[in-house]
Amino acid sequence: MKKVIRILLGRYYKVANTFYWKMVAIVYPIFFTKKGTLLYAGVNIGDSFQKIFFKYKRVIGFEPNIVNYKRVSHYNRLKGVNIYNYALSDSKGKVKFYLPDNMNNDASASLSQFSKNNRYQSREIIEVNAINLCDFLTKHLITEIDFYISDIEGYDFKVIKTIAEKFIYTKKIKKMQVE
């Protein structure tokens, strides 16, 4: 069905898709109760984010690439939504962020250098601010997470290790999705 709609709408598909998800975000709270906290690591340009954020009372997102962050920062105007321009890591400070040559809104950008065997290679390296997720959550008094989504290209495990003791082992995260 999605393929048929894409063909029918042609170049207007992206605009129609965005409009559709904005309408869903408006209507959803009328029929459903919002859940607690969504933590979304690796928002990118918001394609997947726009399909879920409205289901939660409190939304915390992270996108280290400044170009992509500017594209999603408009969500910060919404009540309960905060997207931060940080990379998540196991430490705090300035880090190298490798942008791929895939021309897909840097969807495969990573704190890790691309291997020579990878079909993508770095077209640019930028410096971004990194934070320790557990330190961030503690500072912002976040004690439970209903849904943790992580799509941070190879750094997922390092970040999860920072929250393991306080959130995972104590079952303070209800649901996790790691890509």
Foldseek 3Di string as FASTA:
>chain_A
DLVVVCVVCPPCVVVVVLVVLVVCLVCVVVPDPADEEEEAEACQQPPVVSNPVSSYQAYEYEHQDPVSCVNPVVCVVDHRYDYDNAHEAQAWDKAKKFAWPPPPSSLQIASDADDPPDPIHGPDIDITTYHQVVVVCVVVVNQAHAEYEERHHPRVVRNCVSCCVRDVVVVRYNYYHYD
